[in-house]
Amino acid sequence: MPDGEQRERDRPDTPAPQDAEDAEIPQDPQDPQETEAARRRRRAQFLRELHEAKALRDRVQPRRARAARMRQAMRMRTFRW
């Protein structure tokens, strides 16, 4: 890319694409009209994406993932009840 040129997704004036189910969910978490079901739906979506991102990171960085598993196992062995 030439200097100063931005990718389409990096431009601040382009709106982010929205899924059909995200369209009816209010974006403001302090909105009093947001229902408990909408909050749970947003939280479930977030947790799915987080799990997917962690799984992807573990696949592309197997050495780091193995080291993290070893550290977690060591923490669990030395944990006192």
C-alpha atoms as a PDB file:
ATOM      1  CA  MET A   1       0.000   0.000   0.000  1.00  0.00           C
ATOM      2  CA  PRO A   2       1.283   3.492  -0.721  1.00  0.00           C
ATOM      3  CA  ASP A   3       2.115   5.744   2.221  1.00  0.00           C
ATOM      4  CA  GLY A   4      -0.883   7.378   3.835  1.00  0.00           C
ATOM      5  CA  GLU A   5      -3.433   5.021   2.273  1.00  0.00           C
ATOM      6  CA  GLN A   6      -5.709   3.178   4.663  1.00  0.00           C
ATOM      7  CA  ARG A   7      -7.428  -0.118   4.244  1.00  0.00           C
ATOM      8  CA  GLU A   8     -11.194  -0.032   3.925  1.00  0.00           C
ATOM      9  CA  ARG A   9     -11.690  -1.623   7.353  1.00  0.00           C
ATOM     10  CA  ASP A  10      -9.320   0.883   9.040  1.00  0.00           C
ATOM     11  CA  ARG A  11     -11.148   3.987   7.914  1.00  0.00           C
ATOM     12  CA  PRO A  12     -13.109   5.598  10.749  1.00  0.00           C
ATOM     13  CA  ASP A  13     -15.889   6.884   8.474  1.00  0.00           C
ATOM     14  CA  THR A  14     -16.967   3.422   7.276  1.00  0.00           C
ATOM     15  CA  PRO A  15     -19.671   1.879   9.469  1.00  0.00           C
ATOM     16  CA  ALA A  16     -19.015  -1.540  10.965  1.00  0.00           C
ATOM     17  CA  PRO A  17     -21.119  -4.345   9.468  1.00  0.00           C
ATOM     18  CA  GLN A  18     -23.896  -5.598  11.734  1.00  0.00           C
ATOM     19  CA  ASP A  19     -25.598  -8.945  11.851  1.00  0.00           C
ATOM     20  CA  ALA A  20     -29.372  -9.099  11.711  1.00  0.00           C
ATOM     21  CA  GLU A  21     -29.631 -10.189  15.354  1.00  0.00           C
ATOM     22  CA  ASP A  22     -27.310  -7.386  16.537  1.00  0.00           C
ATOM     23  CA  ALA A  23     -29.470  -4.719  14.905  1.00  0.00           C
ATOM     24  CA  GLU A  24     -32.198  -4.728  17.568  1.00  0.00           C
ATOM     25  CA  ILE A  25     -29.830  -4.826  20.562  1.00  0.00           C
ATOM     26  CA  PRO A  26     -29.086  -1.376  22.037  1.00  0.00           C
ATOM     27  CA  GLN A  27     -25.372  -0.555  22.122  1.00  0.00           C
ATOM     28  CA  ASP A  28     -25.419   1.440  25.390  1.00  0.00           C
ATOM     29  CA  PRO A  29     -25.008  -0.960  28.349  1.00  0.00           C
ATOM     30  CA  GLN A  30     -26.557   1.642  30.714  1.00  0.00           C
ATOM     31  CA  ASP A  31     -29.720   1.894  28.600  1.00  0.00           C
ATOM     32  CA  PRO A  32     -32.682   1.244  30.926  1.00  0.00           C
ATOM     33  CA  GLN A  33     -34.703  -0.241  28.059  1.00  0.00           C
ATOM     34  CA  GLU A  34     -32.217  -3.071  27.558  1.00  0.00           C
ATOM     35  CA  THR A  35     -33.806  -6.269  28.756  1.00  0.00           C
ATOM     36  CA  GLU A  36     -32.134  -8.959  30.790  1.00  0.00           C
ATOM     37  CA  ALA A  37     -32.512 -11.343  27.843  1.00  0.00           C
ATOM     38  CA  ALA A  38     -30.691  -8.908  25.538  1.00  0.00           C
ATOM     39  CA  ARG A  39     -27.874  -8.565  28.063  1.00  0.00           C
ATOM     40  CA  ARG A  40     -27.557 -12.347  28.371  1.00  0.00           C
ATOM     41  CA  ARG A  41     -27.595 -12.691  24.575  1.00  0.00           C
ATOM     42  CA  ARG A  42     -24.784 -10.121  24.225  1.00  0.00           C
ATOM     43  CA  ARG A  43     -22.795 -11.820  26.997  1.00  0.00           C
ATOM     44  CA  ALA A  44     -23.202 -15.258  25.393  1.00  0.00           C
ATOM     45  CA  GLN A  45     -22.047 -13.859  22.040  1.00  0.00           C
ATOM     46  CA  PHE A  46     -19.025 -12.263  23.711  1.00  0.00           C
ATOM     47  CA  LEU A  47     -18.087 -15.479  25.500  1.00  0.00           C
ATOM     48  CA  ARG A  48     -18.418 -17.501  22.264  1.00  0.00           C
ATOM     49  CA  GLU A  49     -16.113 -15.088  20.437  1.00  0.00           C
ATOM     50  CA  LEU A  50     -13.647 -15.067  23.340  1.00  0.00           C
ATOM     51  CA  HIS A  51     -13.496 -18.867  23.391  1.00  0.00           C
ATOM     52  CA  GLU A  52     -13.017 -18.932  19.620  1.00  0.00           C
ATOM     53  CA  ALA A  53     -10.189 -16.383  19.839  1.00  0.00           C
ATOM     54  CA  LYS A  54      -8.427 -18.348  22.585  1.00  0.00           C
ATOM     55  CA  ALA A  55      -8.734 -21.563  20.598  1.00  0.00           C
ATOM     56  CA  LEU A  56      -7.301 -19.845  17.528  1.00  0.00           C
ATOM     57  CA  ARG A  57      -4.385 -18.461  19.547  1.00  0.00           C
ATOM     58  CA  ASP A  58      -3.668 -21.919  20.948  1.00  0.00           C
ATOM     59  CA  ARG A  59      -3.635 -23.396  17.436  1.00  0.00           C
ATOM     60  CA  VAL A  60      -1.289 -20.809  15.951  1.00  0.00           C
ATOM     61  CA  GLN A  61       1.062 -20.657  18.974  1.00  0.00           C
ATOM     62  CA  PRO A  62       1.318 -24.249  20.238  1.00  0.00           C
ATOM     63  CA  ARG A  63       4.525 -23.686  22.222  1.00  0.00           C
ATOM     64  CA  ARG A  64       3.028 -20.773  24.142  1.00  0.00           C
ATOM     65  CA  ALA A  65      -0.191 -22.732  24.737  1.00  0.00           C
ATOM     66  CA  ARG A  66       1.766 -25.707  26.098  1.00  0.00           C
ATOM     67  CA  ALA A  67       3.783 -23.445  28.415  1.00  0.00           C
ATOM     68  CA  ALA A  68       0.552 -21.854  29.669  1.00  0.00           C
ATOM     69  CA  ARG A  69      -0.920 -25.314  30.368  1.00  0.00           C
ATOM     70  CA  MET A  70       2.229 -26.267  32.290  1.00  0.00           C
ATOM     71  CA  ARG A  71       2.083 -23.071  34.369  1.00  0.00           C
ATOM     72  CA  GLN A  72      -1.592 -23.667  35.138  1.00  0.00           C
ATOM     73  CA  ALA A  73      -0.855 -27.266  36.159  1.00  0.00           C
ATOM     74  CA  MET A  74       1.927 -26.045  38.454  1.00  0.00           C
ATOM     75  CA  ARG A  75      -0.419 -23.485  40.040  1.00  0.00           C
ATOM     76  CA  MET A  76      -3.002 -26.185  40.640  1.00  0.00           C
ATOM     77  CA  ARG A  77      -0.451 -28.543  42.207  1.00  0.00           C
ATOM     78  CA  THR A  78       0.804 -25.887  44.618  1.00  0.00           C
ATOM     79  CA  PHE A  79      -2.631 -24.501  45.508  1.00  0.00           C
ATOM     80  CA  ARG A  80      -3.564 -24.938  49.178  1.00  0.00           C
ATOM     81  CA  TRP A  81      -7.172 -25.550  50.116  1.00  0.00           C
END
